[in-house]
C-alpha atoms as a PDB file:
ATOM      1  CA  MET A   1      61.409 -32.806 -52.234  1.00  0.00           C
ATOM      2  CA  ILE A   2      58.189 -33.831 -53.948  1.00  0.00           C
ATOM      3  CA  ASP A   3      58.333 -34.507 -57.676  1.00  0.00           C
ATOM      4  CA  LEU A   4      56.132 -32.747 -60.200  1.00  0.00           C
ATOM      5  CA  ALA A   5      53.986 -35.806 -60.965  1.00  0.00           C
ATOM      6  CA  ALA A   6      53.198 -36.341 -57.282  1.00  0.00           C
ATOM      7  CA  GLN A   7      52.343 -32.669 -56.860  1.00  0.00           C
ATOM      8  CA  ALA A   8      50.043 -32.821 -59.903  1.00  0.00           C
ATOM      9  CA  ARG A   9      48.279 -35.865 -58.425  1.00  0.00           C
ATOM     10  CA  ILE A  10      47.748 -33.991 -55.150  1.00  0.00           C
ATOM     11  CA  VAL A  11      46.333 -30.952 -56.957  1.00  0.00           C
ATOM     12  CA  LEU A  12      44.042 -33.138 -59.097  1.00  0.00           C
ATOM     13  CA  HIS A  13      42.895 -35.039 -56.004  1.00  0.00           C
ATOM     14  CA  GLN A  14      42.058 -31.804 -54.176  1.00  0.00           C
ATOM     15  CA  ALA A  15      40.393 -30.346 -57.266  1.00  0.00           C
ATOM     16  CA  PHE A  16      38.252 -33.440 -57.848  1.00  0.00           C
ATOM     17  CA  PHE A  17      36.971 -33.668 -54.298  1.00  0.00           C
ATOM     18  CA  GLY A  18      36.606 -29.896 -54.015  1.00  0.00           C
ATOM     19  CA  GLY A  19      34.446 -29.940 -57.125  1.00  0.00           C
ATOM     20  CA  LEU A  20      32.406 -32.828 -55.777  1.00  0.00           C
ATOM     21  CA  ALA A  21      31.827 -31.028 -52.467  1.00  0.00           C
ATOM     22  CA  ALA A  22      30.940 -27.768 -54.219  1.00  0.00           C
ATOM     23  CA  ALA A  23      28.394 -29.567 -56.393  1.00  0.00           C
ATOM     24  CA  GLY A  24      26.925 -31.011 -53.203  1.00  0.00           C
ATOM     25  CA  PHE A  25      26.537 -27.525 -51.789  1.00  0.00           C
ATOM     26  CA  GLY A  26      24.961 -26.495 -55.080  1.00  0.00           C
ATOM     27  CA  VAL A  27      22.357 -29.210 -54.526  1.00  0.00           C
ATOM     28  CA  LEU A  28      21.689 -27.739 -51.075  1.00  0.00           C
ATOM     29  CA  PHE A  29      21.292 -24.302 -52.679  1.00  0.00           C
ATOM     30  CA  ASN A  30      18.799 -25.845 -55.148  1.00  0.00           C
ATOM     31  CA  PHE A  31      20.828 -25.003 -58.271  1.00  0.00           C
ATOM     32  CA  GLY A  32      19.856 -26.506 -61.616  1.00  0.00           C
ATOM     33  CA  PRO A  33      21.947 -29.092 -63.482  1.00  0.00           C
ATOM     34  CA  ARG A  34      23.924 -26.514 -65.496  1.00  0.00           C
ATOM     35  CA  SER A  35      24.674 -24.515 -62.364  1.00  0.00           C
ATOM     36  CA  LEU A  36      25.766 -27.662 -60.531  1.00  0.00           C
ATOM     37  CA  ALA A  37      28.397 -28.261 -63.194  1.00  0.00           C
ATOM     38  CA  LEU A  38      29.551 -24.660 -62.771  1.00  0.00           C
ATOM     39  CA  CYS A  39      29.674 -25.141 -58.983  1.00  0.00           C
ATOM     40  CA  ALA A  40      31.810 -28.230 -59.447  1.00  0.00           C
ATOM     41  CA  GLY A  41      34.146 -26.284 -61.724  1.00  0.00           C
ATOM     42  CA  ALA A  42      34.366 -23.417 -59.237  1.00  0.00           C
ATOM     43  CA  GLY A  43      35.084 -25.806 -56.383  1.00  0.00           C
ATOM     44  CA  ALA A  44      37.744 -27.646 -58.363  1.00  0.00           C
ATOM     45  CA  PHE A  45      39.375 -24.361 -59.343  1.00  0.00           C
ATOM     46  CA  ALA A  46      39.285 -22.974 -55.790  1.00  0.00           C
ATOM     47  CA  LEU A  47      40.825 -26.070 -54.225  1.00  0.00           C
ATOM     48  CA  ALA A  48      43.465 -26.340 -56.947  1.00  0.00           C
ATOM     49  CA  VAL A  49      44.537 -22.721 -56.419  1.00  0.00           C
ATOM     50  CA  ARG A  50      44.606 -23.136 -52.633  1.00  0.00           C
ATOM     51  CA  THR A  51      46.592 -26.376 -52.901  1.00  0.00           C
ATOM     52  CA  LEU A  52      49.155 -24.683 -55.148  1.00  0.00           C
ATOM     53  CA  GLY A  53      49.397 -21.832 -52.651  1.00  0.00           C
ATOM     54  CA  LEU A  54      49.913 -24.243 -49.774  1.00  0.00           C
ATOM     55  CA  ASP A  55      52.545 -26.091 -51.831  1.00  0.00           C
ATOM     56  CA  ALA A  56      54.305 -22.730 -52.240  1.00  0.00           C
ATOM     57  CA  HIS A  57      54.417 -22.544 -48.400  1.00  0.00           C
ATOM     58  CA  TRP A  58      51.794 -19.835 -48.026  1.00  0.00           C
ATOM     59  CA  THR A  59      49.723 -19.801 -44.877  1.00  0.00           C
ATOM     60  CA  LEU A  60      46.318 -21.476 -45.006  1.00  0.00           C
ATOM     61  CA  GLU A  61      44.651 -18.092 -44.659  1.00  0.00           C
ATOM     62  CA  GLY A  62      46.708 -16.513 -47.446  1.00  0.00           C
ATOM     63  CA  ALA A  63      46.237 -19.406 -49.848  1.00  0.00           C
ATOM     64  CA  THR A  64      42.514 -19.465 -49.105  1.00  0.00           C
ATOM     65  CA  PHE A  65      42.207 -15.719 -49.694  1.00  0.00           C
ATOM     66  CA  VAL A  66      43.956 -15.940 -53.076  1.00  0.00           C
ATOM     67  CA  ALA A  67      41.845 -18.960 -54.060  1.00  0.00           C
ATOM     68  CA  ALA A  68      38.585 -17.198 -53.128  1.00  0.00           C
ATOM     69  CA  LEU A  69      39.703 -14.021 -54.907  1.00  0.00           C
ATOM     70  CA  ALA A  70      40.619 -15.970 -58.055  1.00  0.00           C
ATOM     71  CA  THR A  71      37.395 -17.992 -57.984  1.00  0.00           C
ATOM     72  CA  ALA A  72      35.207 -14.916 -57.565  1.00  0.00           C
ATOM     73  CA  SER A  73      37.121 -13.082 -60.300  1.00  0.00           C
ATOM     74  CA  VAL A  74      36.801 -15.950 -62.770  1.00  0.00           C
ATOM     75  CA  ALA A  75      33.094 -16.341 -61.948  1.00  0.00           C
ATOM     76  CA  LEU A  76      32.486 -12.613 -62.304  1.00  0.00           C
ATOM     77  CA  ILE A  77      34.245 -12.404 -65.679  1.00  0.00           C
ATOM     78  CA  GLY A  78      33.357 -15.821 -67.088  1.00  0.00           C
ATOM     79  CA  LEU A  79      29.744 -15.928 -65.968  1.00  0.00           C
ATOM     80  CA  ARG A  80      28.891 -12.309 -66.643  1.00  0.00           C
ATOM     81  CA  GLY A  81      25.508 -13.196 -68.160  1.00  0.00           C
ATOM     82  CA  LEU A  82      24.313 -14.893 -64.961  1.00  0.00           C
ATOM     83  CA  GLY A  83      24.404 -11.738 -62.836  1.00  0.00           C
ATOM     84  CA  ALA A  84      24.125 -12.416 -59.112  1.00  0.00           C
ATOM     85  CA  ALA A  85      24.019 -16.169 -59.735  1.00  0.00           C
ATOM     86  CA  ALA A  86      27.715 -15.998 -60.656  1.00  0.00           C
ATOM     87  CA  GLN A  87      28.500 -14.840 -57.123  1.00  0.00           C
ATOM     88  CA  ALA A  88      26.381 -17.652 -55.682  1.00  0.00           C
ATOM     89  CA  ILE A  89      28.290 -20.161 -57.815  1.00  0.00           C
ATOM     90  CA  ALA A  90      31.604 -18.712 -56.599  1.00  0.00           C
ATOM     91  CA  LEU A  91      30.347 -18.975 -53.007  1.00  0.00           C
ATOM     92  CA  ALA A  92      29.363 -22.618 -53.481  1.00  0.00           C
ATOM     93  CA  GLY A  93      32.810 -23.226 -54.973  1.00  0.00           C
ATOM     94  CA  CYS A  94      34.532 -21.726 -51.940  1.00  0.00           C
ATOM     95  CA  ILE A  95      32.516 -23.447 -49.218  1.00  0.00           C
ATOM     96  CA  PRO A  96      34.665 -26.614 -49.362  1.00  0.00           C
ATOM     97  CA  MET A  97      37.596 -24.463 -48.219  1.00  0.00           C
ATOM     98  CA  VAL A  98      35.937 -23.752 -44.833  1.00  0.00           C
ATOM     99  CA  PRO A  99      38.276 -25.341 -42.270  1.00  0.00           C
ATOM    100  CA  GLY A 100      35.831 -27.430 -40.262  1.00  0.00           C
ATOM    101  CA  ALA A 101      38.642 -29.333 -38.547  1.00  0.00           C
ATOM    102  CA  PHE A 102      39.831 -26.149 -36.825  1.00  0.00           C
ATOM    103  CA  LEU A 103      36.317 -25.313 -35.642  1.00  0.00           C
ATOM    104  CA  ASN A 104      35.889 -28.868 -34.384  1.00  0.00           C
ATOM    105  CA  GLU A 105      39.203 -28.711 -32.510  1.00  0.00           C
ATOM    106  CA  ALA A 106      38.288 -25.354 -30.956  1.00  0.00           C
ATOM    107  CA  LEU A 107      34.806 -26.392 -29.882  1.00  0.00           C
ATOM    108  CA  LEU A 108      35.958 -29.688 -28.402  1.00  0.00           C
ATOM    109  CA  GLY A 109      38.647 -27.832 -26.485  1.00  0.00           C
ATOM    110  CA  PHE A 110      36.132 -25.304 -25.186  1.00  0.00           C
ATOM    111  CA  PHE A 111      33.804 -28.128 -24.134  1.00  0.00           C
ATOM    112  CA  THR A 112      36.711 -29.742 -22.299  1.00  0.00           C
ATOM    113  CA  ILE A 113      37.423 -26.490 -20.490  1.00  0.00           C
ATOM    114  CA  SER A 114      33.800 -25.997 -19.504  1.00  0.00           C
ATOM    115  CA  ALA A 115      33.351 -29.520 -18.132  1.00  0.00           C
ATOM    116  CA  SER A 116      32.451 -29.709 -14.460  1.00  0.00           C
ATOM    117  CA  GLU A 117      35.635 -31.650 -13.700  1.00  0.00           C
ATOM    118  CA  ALA A 118      38.032 -30.074 -16.184  1.00  0.00           C
ATOM    119  CA  VAL A 119      41.445 -31.670 -15.988  1.00  0.00           C
ATOM    120  CA  ASN A 120      44.378 -29.535 -17.141  1.00  0.00           C
ATOM    121  CA  ALA A 121      42.044 -26.783 -18.387  1.00  0.00           C
ATOM    122  CA  GLU A 122      44.853 -24.248 -18.676  1.00  0.00           C
ATOM    123  CA  ALA A 123      46.661 -26.427 -21.208  1.00  0.00           C
ATOM    124  CA  ALA A 124      43.533 -26.724 -23.359  1.00  0.00           C
ATOM    125  CA  ILE A 125      42.818 -22.987 -23.572  1.00  0.00           C
ATOM    126  CA  LEU A 126      45.689 -21.954 -25.865  1.00  0.00           C
ATOM    127  CA  PRO A 127      45.261 -24.683 -28.534  1.00  0.00           C
ATOM    128  CA  SER A 128      41.501 -24.063 -28.568  1.00  0.00           C
ATOM    129  CA  LEU A 129      41.960 -20.327 -29.033  1.00  0.00           C
ATOM    130  CA  GLN A 130      44.552 -20.871 -31.756  1.00  0.00           C
ATOM    131  CA  ALA A 131      42.236 -23.219 -33.642  1.00  0.00           C
ATOM    132  CA  MET A 132      39.318 -20.788 -33.304  1.00  0.00           C
ATOM    133  CA  LEU A 133      41.432 -17.882 -34.562  1.00  0.00           C
ATOM    134  CA  ARG A 134      42.628 -19.901 -37.562  1.00  0.00           C
ATOM    135  CA  PHE A 135      39.002 -20.766 -38.346  1.00  0.00           C
ATOM    136  CA  ILE A 136      37.874 -17.139 -38.049  1.00  0.00           C
ATOM    137  CA  PHE A 137      40.758 -15.758 -40.123  1.00  0.00           C
ATOM    138  CA  THR A 138      40.288 -18.378 -42.847  1.00  0.00           C
ATOM    139  CA  LEU A 139      36.558 -17.707 -42.980  1.00  0.00           C
ATOM    140  CA  GLY A 140      37.313 -13.972 -43.172  1.00  0.00           C
ATOM    141  CA  ALA A 141      39.766 -14.628 -46.005  1.00  0.00           C
ATOM    142  CA  ILE A 142      37.056 -16.472 -47.936  1.00  0.00           C
ATOM    143  CA  GLY A 143      34.581 -13.644 -47.364  1.00  0.00           C
ATOM    144  CA  ALA A 144      37.028 -10.926 -48.357  1.00  0.00           C
ATOM    145  CA  GLY A 145      38.209 -12.861 -51.405  1.00  0.00           C
ATOM    146  CA  LEU A 146      34.638 -13.333 -52.577  1.00  0.00           C
ATOM    147  CA  ALA A 147      33.614  -9.709 -51.957  1.00  0.00           C
ATOM    148  CA  ILE A 148      36.534  -7.778 -53.464  1.00  0.00           C
ATOM    149  CA  PRO A 149      35.989  -8.584 -57.185  1.00  0.00           C
ATOM    150  CA  SER A 150      32.307  -7.648 -57.142  1.00  0.00           C
ATOM    151  CA  HIS A 151      33.042  -4.370 -55.354  1.00  0.00           C
ATOM    152  CA  LEU A 152      35.804  -3.501 -57.800  1.00  0.00           C
ATOM    153  CA  ALA A 153      33.604  -4.371 -60.782  1.00  0.00           C
ATOM    154  CA  ARG A 154      30.907  -1.955 -59.588  1.00  0.00           C
ATOM    155  CA  ARG A 155      33.270   1.021 -59.667  1.00  0.00           C
ATOM    156  CA  ARG A 156      32.854   2.961 -62.884  1.00  0.00           C
ATOM    157  CA  GLY A 157      36.480   4.081 -63.042  1.00  0.00           C
ATOM    158  CA  PHE A 158      37.860   0.581 -62.738  1.00  0.00           C
END
């Protein structure tokens, strides 16, 4: 069992580096200094929520969906005056949650299978497909989590 202080350190670690990565993506999106700080905050929030979800034994896809949903909701409500830029900031905050390790594992497995002298190709197919499906479902969870709040906010009866 992990103690509360250790869990808090893990969440802070994830939040710090998630915020740093999100600010880096904000630089790539050519955001201004104020928006970069907001990107860092969105990234820190998203990774903290996902880490808490994973600590509660949720699946990666479920924790990522809830984190993206929460990040987009907070950006939509808290940054109301920015309009569409709030959604871009939420997107930059969620990009660090893209599971590149799963995509890497899947692609390397597919390259192994497609080699001219593939050794044990049948054994590489299943792990590669599993990694690709986890990547696709996690990416879909990010997209759905980011899209739902803005669609709900547009409804007049909501």
